[in-house]
N, C-alpha and C. Protein backbone atom coordinates (compact mmCIF):
# COMPACT_ATOMS: atom_id res chain seq x y z
N UNK A 1 10.92 331.83 -1.70
CA UNK A 1 12.27 330.84 -1.48
C UNK A 1 12.80 330.96 -2.78
N UNK A 2 12.38 330.86 -4.00
CA UNK A 2 13.22 330.81 -5.00
C UNK A 2 14.01 332.17 -5.24
N UNK A 3 13.28 333.16 -4.84
CA UNK A 3 13.97 334.43 -4.81
C UNK A 3 15.27 334.47 -4.12
N UNK A 4 15.23 333.85 -2.88
CA UNK A 4 16.29 333.92 -1.88
C UNK A 4 17.43 333.01 -2.36
N UNK A 5 17.00 332.00 -3.02
CA UNK A 5 17.99 330.87 -3.47
C UNK A 5 18.66 331.50 -4.81
N UNK A 6 17.83 332.37 -5.63
CA UNK A 6 18.54 332.99 -6.79
C UNK A 6 19.63 333.99 -6.33
N UNK A 7 19.23 334.90 -5.11
CA UNK A 7 19.96 335.81 -4.65
C UNK A 7 21.27 335.25 -4.13
N UNK A 8 21.26 334.21 -3.53
CA UNK A 8 22.28 333.40 -2.85
C UNK A 8 23.28 333.06 -3.92
N UNK A 9 22.95 332.53 -4.88
CA UNK A 9 23.38 331.87 -6.07
C UNK A 9 24.29 333.15 -6.74
N UNK A 10 23.54 334.10 -6.89
CA UNK A 10 24.05 335.27 -7.65
C UNK A 10 25.29 336.11 -6.84
N UNK A 11 25.03 336.07 -5.39
CA UNK A 11 26.19 336.53 -4.51
C UNK A 11 27.42 335.70 -4.59
N UNK A 12 27.18 334.51 -4.62
CA UNK A 12 28.41 333.44 -4.61
C UNK A 12 29.02 333.69 -6.04
N UNK A 13 28.29 333.71 -7.17
CA UNK A 13 28.84 334.02 -8.39
C UNK A 13 29.60 335.25 -8.66
N UNK A 14 29.35 336.35 -8.04
CA UNK A 14 29.96 337.57 -7.92
C UNK A 14 31.36 337.49 -7.31
N UNK A 15 31.20 336.58 -6.14
CA UNK A 15 32.44 336.45 -5.26
C UNK A 15 33.49 335.77 -6.09
N UNK A 16 33.08 334.61 -6.57
CA UNK A 16 33.77 333.87 -7.47
C UNK A 16 34.54 334.78 -8.65
N UNK A 17 33.94 335.51 -9.31
CA UNK A 17 34.44 336.31 -10.57
C UNK A 17 35.23 337.43 -9.83
N UNK A 18 34.96 338.02 -8.85
CA UNK A 18 36.02 339.05 -8.18
C UNK A 18 37.30 338.41 -7.63
N UNK A 19 37.20 337.09 -7.06
CA UNK A 19 38.42 336.46 -6.62
C UNK A 19 39.20 336.19 -7.91
N UNK A 20 38.61 335.70 -9.10
CA UNK A 20 39.45 335.19 -10.08
C UNK A 20 40.17 336.33 -10.79
N UNK A 21 39.45 337.58 -10.86
CA UNK A 21 40.24 338.93 -11.38
C UNK A 21 41.37 339.24 -10.59
N UNK A 22 41.20 339.04 -9.17
CA UNK A 22 42.46 339.30 -8.45
C UNK A 22 43.67 338.47 -8.75
N UNK A 23 43.21 337.12 -8.94
CA UNK A 23 44.41 336.10 -9.10
C UNK A 23 44.98 336.39 -10.57
N UNK A 24 44.16 336.95 -11.61
CA UNK A 24 44.72 337.31 -12.92
C UNK A 24 45.79 338.44 -12.77
N UNK A 25 45.60 339.34 -11.92
CA UNK A 25 46.58 340.50 -11.81
C UNK A 25 47.91 340.04 -11.17
N UNK A 26 47.71 338.85 -10.33
CA UNK A 26 49.10 338.53 -9.64
C UNK A 26 49.69 337.31 -10.49
N UNK A 27 49.09 336.87 -11.39
CA UNK A 27 49.72 335.74 -12.12
C UNK A 27 49.92 335.99 -13.57
N UNK A 28 49.80 337.21 -14.07
CA UNK A 28 50.02 337.64 -15.43
C UNK A 28 51.38 337.04 -16.09
N UNK A 29 51.10 336.36 -17.26
CA UNK A 29 52.40 335.83 -17.98
C UNK A 29 53.08 337.09 -18.54
N UNK A 30 54.50 336.96 -18.60
CA UNK A 30 55.12 338.03 -19.17
C UNK A 30 56.32 338.59 -18.29
N UNK A 31 57.17 339.39 -18.81
CA UNK A 31 58.10 339.91 -17.95
C UNK A 31 57.58 340.97 -16.86
N UNK A 32 58.33 341.01 -15.71
CA UNK A 32 57.92 342.09 -14.74
C UNK A 32 59.30 342.73 -14.12
N UNK A 33 59.33 344.08 -14.04
CA UNK A 33 60.43 344.75 -13.51
C UNK A 33 60.13 345.07 -12.26
N UNK A 34 61.04 344.63 -11.23
CA UNK A 34 61.05 344.93 -9.90
C UNK A 34 62.38 345.58 -9.30
N UNK A 35 62.22 346.79 -8.89
CA UNK A 35 63.51 347.55 -8.33
C UNK A 35 63.62 347.18 -6.80
N UNK A 36 64.98 347.09 -6.55
CA UNK A 36 65.30 346.86 -5.07
C UNK A 36 64.98 347.98 -4.33
N UNK A 37 65.03 349.27 -4.74
CA UNK A 37 64.64 350.48 -4.25
C UNK A 37 64.09 351.41 -5.14
N UNK A 38 63.18 352.25 -4.62
CA UNK A 38 62.46 353.22 -5.56
C UNK A 38 62.94 354.54 -5.50
N UNK A 39 63.73 354.89 -4.30
CA UNK A 39 64.10 356.28 -4.09
C UNK A 39 65.41 356.35 -3.52
N UNK A 40 66.34 357.24 -3.93
CA UNK A 40 67.58 357.37 -3.43
C UNK A 40 67.81 358.96 -2.93
N UNK A 41 68.09 359.22 -1.59
CA UNK A 41 68.47 360.65 -1.32
C UNK A 41 69.85 360.82 -1.19
N UNK A 42 70.44 361.81 -1.96
CA UNK A 42 71.73 362.14 -1.78
C UNK A 42 72.15 362.93 -0.64
N UNK A 43 71.23 363.47 -0.08
CA UNK A 43 71.31 364.47 1.23
C UNK A 43 71.58 365.85 0.75
N UNK A 44 72.48 366.41 1.49
CA UNK A 44 72.91 367.91 0.99
C UNK A 44 74.00 367.68 0.02
N UNK A 45 74.19 368.53 -0.88
CA UNK A 45 75.25 368.42 -1.89
C UNK A 45 75.62 370.02 -2.19
N UNK A 46 76.70 370.52 -2.85
CA UNK A 46 76.98 371.69 -3.10
C UNK A 46 76.38 371.86 -4.45
N UNK A 47 75.98 373.27 -4.74
CA UNK A 47 75.65 373.60 -6.13
C UNK A 47 76.92 373.39 -7.18
N UNK A 48 76.55 372.89 -8.27
CA UNK A 48 77.69 372.42 -9.15
C UNK A 48 78.13 370.99 -8.96
N UNK A 49 77.87 370.37 -7.93
CA UNK A 49 78.16 368.92 -7.63
C UNK A 49 77.54 368.02 -8.80
N UNK A 50 78.16 367.00 -9.10
CA UNK A 50 77.69 366.00 -10.04
C UNK A 50 77.62 364.53 -9.16
N UNK A 51 76.38 364.03 -9.03
CA UNK A 51 76.32 362.82 -8.18
C UNK A 51 75.65 361.73 -9.04
N UNK A 52 75.77 360.49 -8.83
CA UNK A 52 75.25 359.33 -9.45
C UNK A 52 74.84 358.24 -8.52
N UNK A 53 73.75 357.60 -8.86
CA UNK A 53 73.40 356.39 -8.07
C UNK A 53 72.99 355.31 -9.10
N UNK A 54 73.02 354.14 -8.69
CA UNK A 54 72.84 352.85 -9.56
C UNK A 54 71.59 352.13 -8.79
N UNK A 55 70.52 352.02 -9.57
CA UNK A 55 69.20 351.39 -9.18
C UNK A 55 69.47 349.99 -9.76
N UNK A 56 69.31 348.93 -9.02
CA UNK A 56 69.13 347.52 -9.37
C UNK A 56 67.85 347.09 -9.51
N UNK A 57 67.52 346.36 -10.65
CA UNK A 57 66.36 345.85 -10.83
C UNK A 57 66.31 344.47 -11.47
N UNK A 58 65.20 343.57 -11.11
CA UNK A 58 65.15 342.29 -11.55
C UNK A 58 64.04 341.91 -12.48
N UNK A 59 64.14 341.00 -13.23
CA UNK A 59 63.05 340.61 -14.05
C UNK A 59 62.43 339.44 -13.25
N UNK A 60 61.18 339.83 -12.62
CA UNK A 60 60.62 338.83 -11.63
C UNK A 60 59.44 338.04 -12.44
N UNK A 61 59.28 338.29 -13.78
CA UNK A 61 58.40 337.68 -14.63
C UNK A 61 58.74 336.35 -15.17
N UNK A 62 58.14 335.78 -16.17
CA UNK A 62 58.57 334.63 -16.86
C UNK A 62 58.84 334.66 -18.19
N UNK A 63 59.13 335.79 -18.81
CA UNK A 63 59.64 336.01 -20.12
C UNK A 63 60.60 337.08 -20.20
N UNK A 64 61.52 337.28 -21.18
CA UNK A 64 62.49 338.18 -21.30
C UNK A 64 62.11 339.65 -21.21
N UNK A 65 62.73 340.52 -20.32
CA UNK A 65 62.34 341.86 -20.09
C UNK A 65 63.30 342.70 -21.11
N UNK A 66 62.54 343.72 -21.85
CA UNK A 66 63.38 344.51 -22.81
C UNK A 66 62.93 345.90 -22.33
N UNK A 67 63.90 346.74 -21.99
CA UNK A 67 63.70 348.09 -21.60
C UNK A 67 63.64 349.00 -22.94
N UNK A 68 62.55 349.71 -23.24
CA UNK A 68 62.44 350.37 -24.56
C UNK A 68 62.96 351.86 -24.36
N UNK A 69 62.67 352.52 -23.24
CA UNK A 69 63.24 353.71 -22.98
C UNK A 69 63.25 353.99 -21.57
N UNK A 70 64.04 355.21 -21.25
CA UNK A 70 64.20 355.54 -19.87
C UNK A 70 63.94 357.11 -20.13
N UNK A 71 63.05 357.83 -19.33
CA UNK A 71 62.91 359.23 -19.40
C UNK A 71 63.22 359.93 -18.19
N UNK A 72 63.56 361.01 -18.14
CA UNK A 72 64.01 361.83 -16.98
C UNK A 72 63.20 363.17 -17.02
N UNK A 73 63.08 363.74 -15.92
CA UNK A 73 62.08 364.97 -15.75
C UNK A 73 62.70 366.26 -16.29
N UNK A 74 64.13 366.32 -16.23
CA UNK A 74 64.66 367.58 -16.68
C UNK A 74 66.14 367.07 -17.30
N UNK A 75 66.86 368.26 -17.98
CA UNK A 75 68.04 367.78 -18.81
C UNK A 75 69.23 367.70 -17.71
N UNK A 76 69.11 367.96 -16.41
CA UNK A 76 70.00 367.90 -15.37
C UNK A 76 70.26 366.41 -15.01
N UNK A 77 69.37 365.55 -15.38
CA UNK A 77 69.43 364.06 -14.97
C UNK A 77 69.74 363.36 -16.32
N UNK A 78 70.52 362.41 -16.34
CA UNK A 78 70.97 361.41 -17.32
C UNK A 78 71.01 360.01 -16.87
N UNK A 79 70.76 359.01 -17.66
CA UNK A 79 70.69 357.77 -17.40
C UNK A 79 71.47 356.83 -18.17
N UNK A 80 71.89 355.73 -17.68
CA UNK A 80 72.71 354.69 -18.57
C UNK A 80 72.05 353.32 -18.25
N UNK A 81 71.61 352.59 -19.25
CA UNK A 81 71.08 351.15 -18.84
C UNK A 81 71.26 350.30 -19.93
N UNK A 82 71.28 349.00 -19.77
CA UNK A 82 71.55 347.92 -20.78
C UNK A 82 70.30 347.82 -21.69
N UNK A 83 70.54 347.68 -23.06
CA UNK A 83 69.49 347.55 -24.05
C UNK A 83 69.29 346.06 -24.51
N UNK A 84 69.98 345.38 -23.81
CA UNK A 84 69.93 343.80 -23.87
C UNK A 84 68.70 343.30 -23.35
N UNK A 85 68.07 342.09 -23.82
CA UNK A 85 66.92 341.49 -23.08
C UNK A 85 67.52 340.82 -21.74
N UNK A 86 66.65 340.96 -20.79
CA UNK A 86 66.93 340.42 -19.50
C UNK A 86 66.02 339.22 -19.21
N UNK A 87 66.65 338.15 -19.04
CA UNK A 87 65.99 336.88 -18.88
C UNK A 87 65.38 336.69 -17.40
N UNK A 88 64.14 335.99 -17.42
CA UNK A 88 63.62 335.91 -16.06
C UNK A 88 64.51 335.46 -15.10
N UNK A 89 64.50 336.30 -13.76
CA UNK A 89 65.38 335.79 -12.64
C UNK A 89 66.59 336.59 -12.49
N UNK A 90 66.97 337.11 -13.79
CA UNK A 90 68.27 337.97 -13.76
C UNK A 90 68.10 339.31 -13.44
N UNK A 91 69.19 340.22 -13.23
CA UNK A 91 69.26 341.50 -12.62
C UNK A 91 70.04 342.38 -13.45
N UNK A 92 69.81 343.47 -13.44
CA UNK A 92 70.64 344.54 -14.16
C UNK A 92 70.65 345.86 -13.41
N UNK A 93 71.03 346.92 -14.04
CA UNK A 93 71.09 348.20 -13.40
C UNK A 93 70.78 349.38 -14.20
N UNK A 94 70.37 350.41 -13.70
CA UNK A 94 70.06 351.79 -14.30
C UNK A 94 71.01 352.63 -13.63
N UNK A 95 71.81 353.30 -14.23
CA UNK A 95 72.66 354.40 -13.53
C UNK A 95 72.13 355.94 -13.76
N UNK A 96 71.73 356.57 -12.57
CA UNK A 96 71.22 358.11 -12.63
C UNK A 96 72.11 358.98 -12.28
N UNK A 97 72.39 360.01 -13.36
CA UNK A 97 73.43 360.90 -12.88
C UNK A 97 72.65 362.32 -12.80
N UNK A 98 72.98 363.07 -11.73
CA UNK A 98 72.42 364.27 -11.52
C UNK A 98 73.54 365.51 -11.56
N UNK A 99 73.44 366.52 -12.34
CA UNK A 99 74.14 367.72 -12.32
C UNK A 99 73.50 368.80 -11.64
N UNK A 100 74.02 369.34 -10.49
CA UNK A 100 73.37 370.40 -9.53
C UNK A 100 73.59 371.73 -10.08
N UNK A 101 74.35 371.95 -11.18
CA UNK A 101 74.62 373.04 -11.82
C UNK A 101 73.39 374.04 -12.04
N UNK A 102 73.23 375.19 -11.33
CA UNK A 102 72.25 376.03 -11.65
C UNK A 102 70.97 375.83 -10.66
N UNK A 103 71.09 374.67 -9.87
CA UNK A 103 69.93 374.26 -8.94
C UNK A 103 70.25 374.74 -7.69
N UNK A 104 69.12 374.95 -6.85
CA UNK A 104 69.14 375.48 -5.49
C UNK A 104 67.97 374.87 -4.77
N UNK A 105 68.22 374.40 -3.51
CA UNK A 105 67.26 373.70 -2.76
C UNK A 105 66.85 372.36 -2.98
N UNK A 106 65.64 372.07 -2.41
CA UNK A 106 65.24 370.61 -2.60
C UNK A 106 64.99 370.22 -3.92
N UNK A 107 65.59 369.12 -4.46
CA UNK A 107 65.41 368.70 -5.88
C UNK A 107 64.84 367.32 -5.73
N UNK A 108 63.74 366.95 -6.79
CA UNK A 108 63.20 365.57 -6.66
C UNK A 108 62.91 365.32 -8.23
N UNK A 109 63.79 364.44 -8.57
CA UNK A 109 63.65 364.03 -10.00
C UNK A 109 63.26 362.58 -10.07
N UNK A 110 62.33 362.34 -11.11
CA UNK A 110 61.74 361.02 -11.39
C UNK A 110 62.27 360.45 -12.80
N UNK A 111 62.59 359.20 -12.55
CA UNK A 111 62.93 358.68 -13.97
C UNK A 111 61.99 357.45 -14.18
N UNK A 112 61.55 357.59 -15.41
CA UNK A 112 60.37 356.56 -15.73
C UNK A 112 61.04 355.58 -16.86
N UNK A 113 60.70 354.31 -16.35
CA UNK A 113 61.24 353.10 -17.14
C UNK A 113 60.01 352.57 -18.05
N UNK A 114 60.09 352.65 -19.30
CA UNK A 114 59.25 351.98 -20.14
C UNK A 114 59.76 350.65 -20.74
N UNK A 115 58.91 349.54 -20.75
CA UNK A 115 59.36 348.29 -21.05
C UNK A 115 58.36 347.39 -21.72
N UNK A 116 58.60 346.30 -21.75
CA UNK A 116 57.47 345.23 -22.44
C UNK A 116 56.85 344.48 -21.16
N UNK A 117 57.00 344.88 -19.93
CA UNK A 117 56.66 344.34 -18.84
C UNK A 117 55.20 344.46 -18.51
N UNK A 118 54.68 343.37 -17.82
CA UNK A 118 53.27 343.56 -17.54
C UNK A 118 52.97 344.91 -16.80
N UNK A 119 53.87 345.41 -15.97
CA UNK A 119 53.90 346.69 -15.37
C UNK A 119 54.70 347.52 -16.26
N UNK A 120 54.20 348.02 -17.46
CA UNK A 120 54.92 348.52 -18.61
C UNK A 120 55.84 349.74 -18.21
N UNK A 121 55.15 350.54 -17.15
CA UNK A 121 55.94 351.75 -16.84
C UNK A 121 56.27 351.56 -15.37
N UNK A 122 57.62 351.73 -15.02
CA UNK A 122 57.97 351.66 -13.60
C UNK A 122 58.76 353.03 -13.38
N UNK A 123 58.91 353.50 -12.24
CA UNK A 123 59.78 354.67 -11.94
C UNK A 123 60.48 354.56 -10.57
N UNK A 124 61.51 355.29 -10.66
CA UNK A 124 62.51 355.58 -9.51
C UNK A 124 62.79 357.03 -9.23
N UNK A 125 63.28 357.33 -8.07
CA UNK A 125 63.27 358.90 -7.92
C UNK A 125 64.63 359.05 -7.22
N UNK A 126 65.12 360.21 -7.45
CA UNK A 126 66.46 360.75 -6.71
C UNK A 126 65.88 362.04 -6.14
N UNK A 127 66.45 362.28 -4.91
CA UNK A 127 66.10 363.57 -4.24
C UNK A 127 67.66 363.96 -3.58
N UNK A 128 67.52 365.33 -3.46
CA UNK A 128 68.78 365.99 -2.86
C UNK A 128 68.39 367.31 -2.43
N UNK A 129 69.31 368.07 -1.44
CA UNK A 129 69.09 369.38 -1.28
C UNK A 129 70.50 370.10 -1.68
N UNK A 130 70.24 371.08 -2.72
CA UNK A 130 71.48 371.65 -3.19
C UNK A 130 71.88 372.86 -2.61
N UNK A 131 73.05 373.05 -1.96
CA UNK A 131 73.08 374.22 -1.25
C UNK A 131 73.96 375.13 -2.07
N UNK A 132 73.83 376.34 -1.71
CA UNK A 132 74.62 377.35 -2.53
C UNK A 132 75.97 377.51 -1.75
N UNK A 133 77.02 377.70 -2.55
CA UNK A 133 78.42 377.95 -1.92
C UNK A 133 78.49 379.26 -1.33
N UNK A 134 79.19 379.39 -0.09
CA UNK A 134 79.41 380.63 0.50
C UNK A 134 80.61 381.31 -0.10
N UNK A 135 80.63 382.69 -0.39
CA UNK A 135 81.77 383.25 -0.84
C UNK A 135 82.80 383.66 0.14
N UNK A 136 84.10 383.13 -0.33
CA UNK A 136 85.04 383.40 0.92
C UNK A 136 85.33 384.92 1.11
N UNK A 137 85.54 385.37 2.33
CA UNK A 137 85.64 386.72 2.73
C UNK A 137 84.41 387.30 3.04
N UNK A 138 83.31 386.75 2.77
CA UNK A 138 82.02 387.61 2.98
C UNK A 138 81.28 386.87 4.19
N UNK A 139 81.10 387.64 5.10
CA UNK A 139 80.54 387.33 6.36
C UNK A 139 79.00 387.11 6.19
N UNK A 140 78.46 385.83 6.89
CA UNK A 140 77.17 385.47 6.79
C UNK A 140 76.39 386.60 7.70
N UNK A 141 75.12 386.72 7.20
CA UNK A 141 74.16 387.59 8.01
C UNK A 141 73.88 387.04 9.11
N UNK A 142 74.36 387.62 10.31
CA UNK A 142 74.10 387.10 11.65
C UNK A 142 73.17 388.10 12.49
N UNK A 143 72.51 388.84 11.67
CA UNK A 143 71.71 389.98 12.49
C UNK A 143 70.46 389.39 13.22
N UNK A 144 69.87 388.30 12.84
CA UNK A 144 68.94 387.57 13.68
C UNK A 144 69.54 387.09 14.68
N UNK A 145 70.71 386.32 14.63
CA UNK A 145 71.24 385.81 15.75
C UNK A 145 71.69 386.82 16.75
N UNK A 146 72.10 388.07 16.35
CA UNK A 146 72.48 389.13 17.19
C UNK A 146 71.29 389.57 18.08
N UNK A 147 70.02 389.61 17.37
CA UNK A 147 68.82 389.95 18.06
C UNK A 147 68.59 388.97 18.96
N UNK A 148 68.66 387.69 18.70
CA UNK A 148 68.43 386.78 19.74
C UNK A 148 69.33 386.74 21.03
N UNK A 149 70.64 387.23 20.80
CA UNK A 149 71.48 387.34 21.78
C UNK A 149 71.15 388.52 22.76
N UNK A 150 70.68 389.59 22.14
CA UNK A 150 70.15 390.79 22.71
C UNK A 150 68.89 390.42 23.76
N UNK A 151 68.06 389.69 23.20
CA UNK A 151 66.90 389.30 23.80
C UNK A 151 67.27 388.50 25.14
N UNK A 152 68.27 387.66 24.86
CA UNK A 152 68.78 386.89 25.96
C UNK A 152 69.49 387.74 27.16
N UNK A 153 70.06 388.67 26.72
CA UNK A 153 70.59 389.67 27.69
C UNK A 153 69.63 390.33 28.57
N UNK A 154 68.44 390.79 27.69
CA UNK A 154 67.27 391.28 28.56
C UNK A 154 66.68 390.41 29.61
N UNK A 155 66.53 389.15 29.02
CA UNK A 155 66.10 388.30 29.94
C UNK A 155 66.86 388.01 31.16
N UNK A 156 68.21 387.96 30.82
CA UNK A 156 69.18 387.94 32.06
C UNK A 156 69.04 389.01 33.01
N UNK A 157 68.83 390.20 32.62
CA UNK A 157 68.62 391.64 33.57
C UNK A 157 67.43 391.32 34.19
N UNK A 158 66.31 390.73 33.49
CA UNK A 158 65.04 390.71 34.29
C UNK A 158 65.35 389.77 35.29
N UNK A 159 66.22 388.67 35.25
CA UNK A 159 66.22 387.48 36.12
C UNK A 159 66.99 388.23 37.48
N UNK A 160 68.20 389.07 37.05
CA UNK A 160 68.86 389.85 38.17
C UNK A 160 67.81 390.79 39.10
N UNK A 161 66.83 391.25 38.42
CA UNK A 161 65.95 392.19 39.24
C UNK A 161 65.12 391.44 40.20
N UNK A 162 64.86 390.15 39.96
CA UNK A 162 63.96 389.44 40.77
C UNK A 162 64.63 389.12 42.12
């Protein structure tokens, strides 16, 4: 009987400890950075285009937020942000600029934001599809389309024979 009582008390004890650890994660004191969106898609752009997007973030913590650095994944992406402390409840912005010069196809760029927040590293992402420009006077390759048309003609002939 004592063994069962001891096991029961032990199980309850583990439950209380596990629950209190979950509460600690949600109620940490300090600044917390929260972005209104984490990904922006520019859609299709032409090679050589420069595009930018402004991400808005808020200090949802209870102490001033200070961003120490913002790092991008390549030299084609640049950022601009405020170096001033952000009071709890206030919002600010990070502008991300992307230069598609020399890029082709799907692009996925991550911007990492380091700060004094309890979630010390946050990230946002931009995506786009960079299209190459067609050269004026040069016809696009339509050989595969022509083959499809020829196949359709043969199908039409087969239908006439029925």
